[in-house]
């Protein structure tokens, strides 16, 4: 008898991380391109525009660069606060 969805989910979540990752990649590939191209394109454009604005602010001296290790430390502090 096949597993119901809850049993299947519990079984999958009990797998080691590398096996869950493999399964997730296989499931995603089986769905094909389910993202709506229009929405994906809008998101890409929005991210590109944001990146460009931030880069221009950096070039104009409006913001300063932060070393990656410092930026990551700040993120970790915020997550644990």
N, C-alpha and C. Protein backbone atom coordinates (compact mmCIF):
# COMPACT_ATOMS: atom_id res chain seq x y z
N UNK A 1 0.85 -1.18 0.00
CA UNK A 1 0.00 0.00 0.00
C UNK A 1 0.90 1.24 0.00
N UNK A 2 0.63 2.22 -0.88
CA UNK A 2 1.48 3.40 -0.94
C UNK A 2 1.34 4.26 0.31
N UNK A 3 2.39 5.01 0.58
CA UNK A 3 2.39 5.92 1.72
C UNK A 3 1.46 7.10 1.43
N UNK A 4 0.79 7.61 2.49
CA UNK A 4 0.04 8.84 2.28
C UNK A 4 1.04 10.00 2.35
N UNK A 5 0.59 11.18 2.03
CA UNK A 5 1.50 12.33 1.93
C UNK A 5 2.21 12.60 3.25
N UNK A 6 1.54 12.50 4.37
CA UNK A 6 2.18 12.75 5.67
C UNK A 6 3.26 11.73 5.97
N UNK A 7 2.99 10.46 5.65
CA UNK A 7 3.99 9.41 5.86
C UNK A 7 5.19 9.62 4.95
N UNK A 8 4.91 9.98 3.71
CA UNK A 8 5.98 10.23 2.76
C UNK A 8 6.85 11.40 3.22
N UNK A 9 6.20 12.47 3.67
CA UNK A 9 6.94 13.63 4.15
C UNK A 9 7.83 13.26 5.32
N UNK A 10 7.29 12.52 6.28
CA UNK A 10 8.06 12.10 7.46
C UNK A 10 9.25 11.23 7.04
N UNK A 11 9.02 10.34 6.09
CA UNK A 11 10.10 9.47 5.62
C UNK A 11 11.19 10.27 4.93
N UNK A 12 10.79 11.22 4.12
CA UNK A 12 11.78 12.04 3.40
C UNK A 12 12.56 12.91 4.37
N UNK A 13 11.88 13.52 5.33
CA UNK A 13 12.58 14.38 6.30
C UNK A 13 13.53 13.60 7.20
N UNK A 14 13.35 12.29 7.29
CA UNK A 14 14.24 11.45 8.09
C UNK A 14 15.51 11.08 7.33
N UNK A 15 15.55 11.35 6.04
CA UNK A 15 16.74 11.04 5.23
C UNK A 15 17.89 11.97 5.59
N UNK A 16 19.12 11.55 5.34
CA UNK A 16 20.28 12.42 5.53
C UNK A 16 20.18 13.62 4.57
N UNK A 17 20.80 14.75 4.94
CA UNK A 17 20.70 15.97 4.12
C UNK A 17 21.08 15.78 2.65
N UNK A 18 22.13 15.02 2.37
CA UNK A 18 22.54 14.85 0.97
C UNK A 18 21.48 14.12 0.15
N UNK A 19 20.80 13.16 0.77
CA UNK A 19 19.74 12.44 0.07
C UNK A 19 18.50 13.32 -0.11
N UNK A 20 18.20 14.15 0.90
CA UNK A 20 17.07 15.09 0.76
C UNK A 20 17.35 16.09 -0.35
N UNK A 21 18.59 16.56 -0.43
CA UNK A 21 18.96 17.51 -1.47
C UNK A 21 18.80 16.87 -2.85
N UNK A 22 19.28 15.66 -3.00
CA UNK A 22 19.16 14.94 -4.26
C UNK A 22 17.69 14.80 -4.65
N UNK A 23 16.87 14.38 -3.69
CA UNK A 23 15.45 14.20 -3.96
C UNK A 23 14.79 15.53 -4.32
N UNK A 24 15.13 16.59 -3.62
CA UNK A 24 14.55 17.91 -3.91
C UNK A 24 14.92 18.34 -5.33
N UNK A 25 16.16 18.11 -5.72
CA UNK A 25 16.59 18.48 -7.08
C UNK A 25 15.82 17.66 -8.13
N UNK A 26 15.62 16.39 -7.86
CA UNK A 26 14.88 15.53 -8.80
C UNK A 26 13.42 15.97 -8.90
N UNK A 27 12.82 16.29 -7.76
CA UNK A 27 11.43 16.75 -7.77
C UNK A 27 11.29 18.06 -8.53
N UNK A 28 12.21 18.98 -8.27
CA UNK A 28 12.17 20.28 -8.96
C UNK A 28 12.32 20.08 -10.46
N UNK A 29 13.23 19.23 -10.87
CA UNK A 29 13.44 18.97 -12.30
C UNK A 29 12.20 18.33 -12.93
N UNK A 30 11.48 17.53 -12.15
CA UNK A 30 10.30 16.86 -12.70
C UNK A 30 9.16 17.84 -12.95
N UNK A 31 9.21 19.00 -12.33
CA UNK A 31 8.15 19.99 -12.51
C UNK A 31 8.34 20.82 -13.77
N UNK A 32 9.52 20.76 -14.34
CA UNK A 32 9.79 21.59 -15.51
C UNK A 32 9.84 23.05 -15.10
N UNK A 33 9.51 23.92 -16.01
CA UNK A 33 9.55 25.36 -15.73
C UNK A 33 8.17 25.80 -15.24
N UNK A 34 7.96 25.68 -13.93
CA UNK A 34 6.67 26.06 -13.37
C UNK A 34 6.58 27.54 -13.04
N UNK A 35 7.73 28.21 -12.99
CA UNK A 35 7.71 29.65 -12.73
C UNK A 35 7.08 30.36 -13.90
N UNK A 36 6.28 31.35 -13.59
CA UNK A 36 5.71 32.14 -14.67
C UNK A 36 6.81 33.03 -15.23
N UNK A 37 7.11 32.91 -16.52
CA UNK A 37 8.20 33.70 -17.10
C UNK A 37 8.04 35.19 -16.87
N UNK A 38 6.81 35.68 -16.92
CA UNK A 38 6.57 37.10 -16.73
C UNK A 38 7.01 37.54 -15.34
N UNK A 39 6.64 36.75 -14.32
CA UNK A 39 7.01 37.08 -12.95
C UNK A 39 8.51 36.95 -12.76
N UNK A 40 9.10 35.88 -13.28
CA UNK A 40 10.55 35.69 -13.15
C UNK A 40 11.30 36.84 -13.78
N UNK A 41 10.86 37.28 -14.96
CA UNK A 41 11.51 38.40 -15.63
C UNK A 41 11.39 39.68 -14.83
N UNK A 42 10.23 39.91 -14.23
CA UNK A 42 10.04 41.11 -13.40
C UNK A 42 10.96 41.08 -12.19
N UNK A 43 11.09 39.91 -11.57
CA UNK A 43 11.96 39.79 -10.41
C UNK A 43 13.42 40.01 -10.79
N UNK A 44 13.83 39.44 -11.91
CA UNK A 44 15.20 39.64 -12.37
C UNK A 44 15.48 41.11 -12.61
N UNK A 45 14.55 41.78 -13.28
CA UNK A 45 14.73 43.22 -13.55
C UNK A 45 14.78 44.01 -12.25
N UNK A 46 13.92 43.67 -11.29
CA UNK A 46 13.91 44.38 -10.01
C UNK A 46 15.24 44.20 -9.28
N UNK A 47 15.76 42.96 -9.26
CA UNK A 47 17.05 42.72 -8.61
C UNK A 47 18.17 43.46 -9.32
N UNK A 48 18.15 43.45 -10.64
CA UNK A 48 19.19 44.15 -11.41
C UNK A 48 19.14 45.64 -11.14
N UNK A 49 17.94 46.20 -11.08
CA UNK A 49 17.81 47.65 -10.80
C UNK A 49 18.30 47.98 -9.40
N UNK A 50 17.95 47.14 -8.43
CA UNK A 50 18.43 47.36 -7.07
C UNK A 50 19.94 47.29 -7.01
N UNK A 51 20.52 46.29 -7.64
CA UNK A 51 21.98 46.15 -7.65
C UNK A 51 22.64 47.37 -8.29
N UNK A 52 22.06 47.84 -9.38
CA UNK A 52 22.62 49.01 -10.06
C UNK A 52 22.54 50.26 -9.17
N UNK A 53 21.40 50.46 -8.51
CA UNK A 53 21.26 51.62 -7.60
C UNK A 53 22.28 51.55 -6.48
N UNK A 54 22.46 50.37 -5.91
CA UNK A 54 23.44 50.23 -4.82
C UNK A 54 24.86 50.46 -5.32
N UNK A 55 25.15 49.97 -6.51
CA UNK A 55 26.49 50.17 -7.08
C UNK A 55 26.74 51.65 -7.33
N UNK A 56 25.75 52.34 -7.88
CA UNK A 56 25.90 53.77 -8.14
C UNK A 56 26.05 54.54 -6.83
N UNK A 57 25.34 54.16 -5.79
CA UNK A 57 25.48 54.81 -4.48
C UNK A 57 26.88 54.59 -3.94
N UNK A 58 27.43 53.41 -4.15
CA UNK A 58 28.80 53.11 -3.74
C UNK A 58 29.79 54.00 -4.49
N UNK A 59 29.63 54.08 -5.82
CA UNK A 59 30.53 54.91 -6.63
C UNK A 59 30.44 56.38 -6.24
N UNK A 60 29.26 56.83 -5.84
CA UNK A 60 29.06 58.24 -5.47
C UNK A 60 29.51 58.51 -4.05
N UNK A 61 29.98 57.48 -3.34
CA UNK A 61 30.45 57.67 -1.97
C UNK A 61 29.32 57.77 -0.95
N UNK A 62 28.12 57.40 -1.33
CA UNK A 62 26.98 57.47 -0.41
C UNK A 62 26.93 56.29 0.55
N UNK A 63 27.57 55.21 0.18
CA UNK A 63 27.68 54.05 1.06
C UNK A 63 29.11 53.54 0.99
N UNK A 64 29.51 52.83 2.02
CA UNK A 64 30.86 52.28 2.00
C UNK A 64 30.80 50.76 1.88
N UNK A 65 31.85 50.21 1.34
CA UNK A 65 31.95 48.75 1.21
C UNK A 65 32.29 48.17 2.58
N UNK A 66 31.79 46.99 2.83
CA UNK A 66 32.06 46.29 4.09
C UNK A 66 32.65 44.94 3.71
N UNK A 67 33.77 44.56 4.33
CA UNK A 67 34.35 43.24 4.03
C UNK A 67 33.32 42.13 4.30
N UNK A 68 33.37 41.09 3.50
CA UNK A 68 32.39 40.01 3.59
C UNK A 68 32.33 39.40 4.98
N UNK A 69 33.48 39.18 5.62
CA UNK A 69 33.46 38.56 6.95
C UNK A 69 32.75 39.45 7.96
N UNK A 70 32.92 40.76 7.83
CA UNK A 70 32.23 41.70 8.73
C UNK A 70 30.72 41.69 8.45
N UNK A 71 30.35 41.70 7.19
CA UNK A 71 28.93 41.69 6.83
C UNK A 71 28.27 40.41 7.33
N UNK A 72 28.92 39.27 7.14
CA UNK A 72 28.36 38.00 7.60
C UNK A 72 28.25 37.95 9.11
N UNK A 73 29.24 38.53 9.82
CA UNK A 73 29.18 38.58 11.27
C UNK A 73 27.98 39.40 11.73
N UNK A 74 27.72 40.50 11.05
CA UNK A 74 26.56 41.33 11.39
C UNK A 74 25.26 40.56 11.19
N UNK A 75 25.17 39.83 10.10
CA UNK A 75 23.97 39.04 9.83
C UNK A 75 23.78 37.99 10.91
N UNK A 76 24.86 37.31 11.27
CA UNK A 76 24.77 36.28 12.32
C UNK A 76 24.31 36.88 13.65
N UNK A 77 24.84 38.06 13.99
CA UNK A 77 24.44 38.74 15.23
C UNK A 77 22.95 39.05 15.21
N UNK A 78 22.45 39.55 14.08
CA UNK A 78 21.02 39.89 13.99
C UNK A 78 20.14 38.66 14.10
N UNK A 79 20.61 37.56 13.52
CA UNK A 79 19.82 36.32 13.56
C UNK A 79 19.71 35.77 14.99
N UNK A 80 20.74 36.00 15.80
CA UNK A 80 20.76 35.44 17.15
C UNK A 80 20.30 36.44 18.20
N UNK A 81 19.93 37.62 17.78
CA UNK A 81 19.50 38.66 18.73
C UNK A 81 18.04 38.48 19.11
